[in-house]
Structure formats: C-alpha cells, structure tokens
Amino acid sequence: MSDYEYNKMRLIETIKTCRDHFNVSLPIKEVLFDDIETGPNSYCVLFRTQKNDIYALFQSTSKQTFADVKRAAKAMGLNVEGYFAPYGDRSHFTRYGFAAFQDAYPGRNSWTAQEARYYKTLAPYAPALVRVSRVNGEIRRFNSHDSHWHKVFDFKYAKMKVQ
C-alpha cells in the first residue's frame, strides 16, 4: 500500500468514525498527524477541516474515559475548545456522572452538579472527538517504553475568536 493510499484510507476512516460515533459531518481537508500514541493501547489522529479548524480523534483498544482523554490532550500539548458527546447525546457525561455518584452514595436523595463533577470524568469515551483551540508549538506522544511524553512534531496553531 502506498503512502497516498494509506492517507486516503485514514481520511475516509476518520470521516466515517466522526459521522457514525458523533453524528457530525466534518469536511476534513487533511490528516495532519496520524497514530500519535497517547497511552499503551491508545492513539490520536489530528486533522484539519475545510475551515482550517483542528480536531483530534482519540481511539483506544482498551477502556478509555473522559478523564483519560482530557489528560492525554493536555499532555500532547493541545488546548481543547470542546468535546463531542457520543452519538450527539449532550447529556451523556452528565447522566453517567449522576448515575455513578448515586452508585457511590446510594443513601443520598439529592445532590448538585458540582458534587457529581468528578464522576462525569469516569464516563466511557472511546472513541473521543475534541475541537482544538490552540497548540503551543509542539505535539508530544506517549512513549510506552519509558512511560513518558516526548516531543515528536513542531506545530503551532491558535484559533482566533472574532466578535
């Protein structure tokens, strides 16, 4: 398989994953970086849309939570503007957080969103799609041999807000 064929296949696969798992149709222009390791069993695809917005698609062969994705994005050097909920269900994380909170404290009849905030981060989130607002000069990857993050690419990006 040539590099062109592989890149085309990854582009089609990324479009399909975004459409099937997040109910969002992104006009992807190019895959910037592919198969960036984010853990022992997970990786990330960084891509650009026609409007020059940057997105990251995190995939994992093992259990991946919302907290794992947040941690990996930060360690990679990405500032995240937003997280896409699975299947377009905006209450996915909140609903899971309240259910997990209720399991942890079965005797409580009422609670606040602030009390259940930690439990939202335990929600399963694989694959995960995030909109990137900034990359501060470099992209890092997880090296599973020594369990540290290392720089692999120089890359700068900043989304400007227009009012």
Protein backbone atom coordinates (compact mmCIF):
# COMPACT_ATOMS: atom_id res chain seq x y z
CA MET A 1 0.00 0.00 0.00
CA SER A 2 1.44 3.38 -0.99
CA ASP A 3 1.54 6.40 1.31
CA TYR A 4 -1.14 8.08 -0.79
CA GLU A 5 -3.48 5.08 -0.48
CA TYR A 6 -2.85 4.82 3.27
CA ASN A 7 -3.52 8.55 3.81
CA LYS A 8 -6.70 8.34 1.75
CA MET A 9 -7.85 5.29 3.76
CA ARG A 10 -7.18 7.09 7.09
CA LEU A 11 -9.06 10.15 5.87
CA ILE A 12 -12.11 8.07 4.92
CA GLU A 13 -11.92 6.13 8.19
CA THR A 14 -11.77 9.35 10.22
CA ILE A 15 -14.77 10.84 8.37
CA LYS A 16 -16.73 7.62 8.94
CA THR A 17 -15.86 7.48 12.65
CA CYS A 18 -16.94 11.11 13.19
CA ARG A 19 -20.21 10.51 11.36
CA ASP A 20 -21.03 7.14 12.95
CA HIS A 21 -19.98 7.80 16.57
CA PHE A 22 -20.69 11.51 16.98
CA ASN A 23 -23.43 12.26 14.41
CA VAL A 24 -21.29 15.06 12.99
CA SER A 25 -20.24 15.53 9.39
CA LEU A 26 -16.86 17.25 9.29
CA PRO A 27 -15.47 18.32 5.89
CA ILE A 28 -11.96 17.02 6.54
CA LYS A 29 -9.31 18.61 4.37
CA GLU A 30 -6.28 16.66 5.56
CA VAL A 31 -4.94 14.37 8.25
CA LEU A 32 -2.10 16.32 9.88
CA PHE A 33 -0.65 13.68 12.18
CA ASP A 34 -1.68 10.04 12.36
CA ASP A 35 -1.29 7.36 15.02
CA ILE A 36 0.16 9.58 17.76
CA GLU A 37 0.48 7.34 20.80
CA THR A 38 -1.44 8.63 23.83
CA GLY A 39 -1.11 5.56 26.05
CA PRO A 40 -0.21 1.87 25.97
CA ASN A 41 -3.35 0.99 23.97
CA SER A 42 -4.49 4.32 22.54
CA TYR A 43 -3.63 6.76 19.80
CA CYS A 44 -4.77 10.06 18.32
CA VAL A 45 -5.38 11.41 14.83
CA LEU A 46 -5.03 15.16 14.38
CA PHE A 47 -6.83 16.59 11.36
CA ARG A 48 -7.82 19.88 9.71
CA THR A 49 -11.22 20.73 8.22
CA GLN A 50 -12.02 22.86 5.17
CA LYS A 51 -12.48 25.87 7.52
CA ASN A 52 -8.95 25.28 8.94
CA ASP A 53 -10.26 24.14 12.33
CA ILE A 54 -8.18 21.45 14.05
CA TYR A 55 -9.76 18.37 15.63
CA ALA A 56 -8.32 15.38 17.46
CA LEU A 57 -9.83 11.90 17.34
CA PHE A 58 -8.70 9.69 20.24
CA GLN A 59 -9.12 5.94 19.84
CA SER A 60 -8.32 3.10 22.20
CA THR A 61 -8.35 -0.67 22.15
CA SER A 62 -8.97 -0.74 25.91
CA LYS A 63 -11.30 1.19 28.23
CA GLN A 64 -10.94 4.95 27.78
CA THR A 65 -12.72 7.50 29.98
CA PHE A 66 -13.47 11.20 29.64
CA ALA A 67 -10.69 11.89 32.18
CA ASP A 68 -8.21 9.84 30.10
CA VAL A 69 -8.98 11.95 27.03
CA LYS A 70 -8.65 15.22 28.96
CA ARG A 71 -5.31 14.10 30.41
CA ALA A 72 -3.98 12.88 27.05
CA ALA A 73 -4.97 16.08 25.22
CA LYS A 74 -3.21 18.21 27.82
CA ALA A 75 -0.10 16.01 27.79
CA MET A 76 0.01 16.19 23.97
CA GLY A 77 0.12 19.99 24.18
CA LEU A 78 -3.43 20.62 22.97
CA ASN A 79 -5.79 23.22 24.41
CA VAL A 80 -9.30 21.90 23.93
CA GLU A 81 -12.20 24.12 22.95
CA GLY A 82 -14.89 21.45 23.15
CA TYR A 83 -15.68 17.75 23.49
CA PHE A 84 -18.18 15.99 21.24
CA ALA A 85 -20.56 13.67 23.07
CA PRO A 86 -21.08 10.15 21.70
CA TYR A 87 -23.95 9.94 19.18
CA GLY A 88 -24.72 13.64 19.69
CA ASP A 89 -26.14 12.95 23.17
CA ARG A 90 -25.28 16.17 25.02
CA SER A 91 -26.31 14.75 28.38
CA HIS A 92 -24.10 11.63 28.09
CA PHE A 93 -21.41 12.78 30.55
CA THR A 94 -23.85 14.36 33.00
CA ARG A 95 -26.18 11.37 33.01
CA TYR A 96 -23.26 8.98 33.57
CA GLY A 97 -21.84 11.24 36.30
CA PHE A 98 -25.11 11.35 38.25
CA ALA A 99 -25.56 7.57 37.93
CA ALA A 100 -22.00 6.94 39.16
CA PHE A 101 -22.50 9.43 42.01
CA GLN A 102 -25.71 7.68 43.00
CA ASP A 103 -23.90 4.32 42.98
CA ALA A 104 -21.17 5.76 45.22
CA TYR A 105 -23.65 7.39 47.62
CA PRO A 106 -26.83 5.29 47.47
CA GLY A 107 -28.33 6.81 50.63
CA ARG A 108 -28.40 10.37 49.27
CA ASN A 109 -31.61 11.60 47.71
CA SER A 110 -30.30 14.90 46.34
CA TRP A 111 -27.01 16.21 45.02
CA THR A 112 -25.67 19.09 42.97
CA ALA A 113 -23.90 19.13 39.63
CA GLN A 114 -20.73 20.29 41.41
CA GLU A 115 -20.79 17.22 43.67
CA ALA A 116 -21.09 14.89 40.65
CA ARG A 117 -18.45 16.72 38.57
CA TYR A 118 -15.69 14.18 39.27
CA TYR A 119 -17.96 11.27 38.38
CA LYS A 120 -18.63 12.76 34.93
CA THR A 121 -14.96 12.23 34.12
CA LEU A 122 -15.38 8.48 34.66
CA ALA A 123 -17.78 8.18 31.70
CA PRO A 124 -16.62 5.84 28.93
CA TYR A 125 -15.40 7.87 25.96
CA ALA A 126 -13.93 5.75 23.18
CA PRO A 127 -13.59 6.94 20.53
CA ALA A 128 -13.36 10.59 21.56
CA LEU A 129 -13.55 13.69 19.38
CA VAL A 130 -12.32 17.11 20.51
CA ARG A 131 -12.08 20.54 18.89
CA VAL A 132 -8.65 22.07 19.43
CA SER A 133 -8.31 25.78 20.17
CA ARG A 134 -4.52 26.01 20.46
CA VAL A 135 -1.30 24.05 20.05
CA ASN A 136 1.60 25.73 21.82
CA GLY A 137 4.47 24.90 19.47
CA GLU A 138 4.81 21.13 19.74
CA ILE A 139 2.91 17.86 19.66
CA ARG A 140 4.02 15.21 22.14
CA ARG A 141 3.40 11.47 22.17
CA PHE A 142 3.46 8.90 24.93
CA ASN A 143 6.44 6.57 24.86
CA SER A 144 5.26 3.28 26.36
CA HIS A 145 8.84 2.01 26.79
CA ASP A 146 9.72 4.56 29.45
CA SER A 147 6.21 5.86 30.30
CA HIS A 148 7.00 9.48 29.46
CA TRP A 149 5.79 12.06 26.95
CA HIS A 150 8.22 13.15 24.22
CA LYS A 151 8.12 15.84 21.54
CA VAL A 152 7.57 14.44 18.04
CA PHE A 153 6.46 17.42 15.94
CA ASP A 154 6.85 21.18 15.92
CA PHE A 155 3.41 22.62 15.30
CA LYS A 156 1.71 25.91 16.19
CA TYR A 157 -1.96 26.68 15.93
CA ALA A 158 -4.23 29.23 17.55
CA LYS A 159 -7.90 29.74 16.79
CA MET A 160 -8.77 33.41 16.80
CA LYS A 161 -12.12 34.45 18.21
CA VAL A 162 -13.89 37.10 16.16
CA GLN A 163 -16.55 39.15 17.89
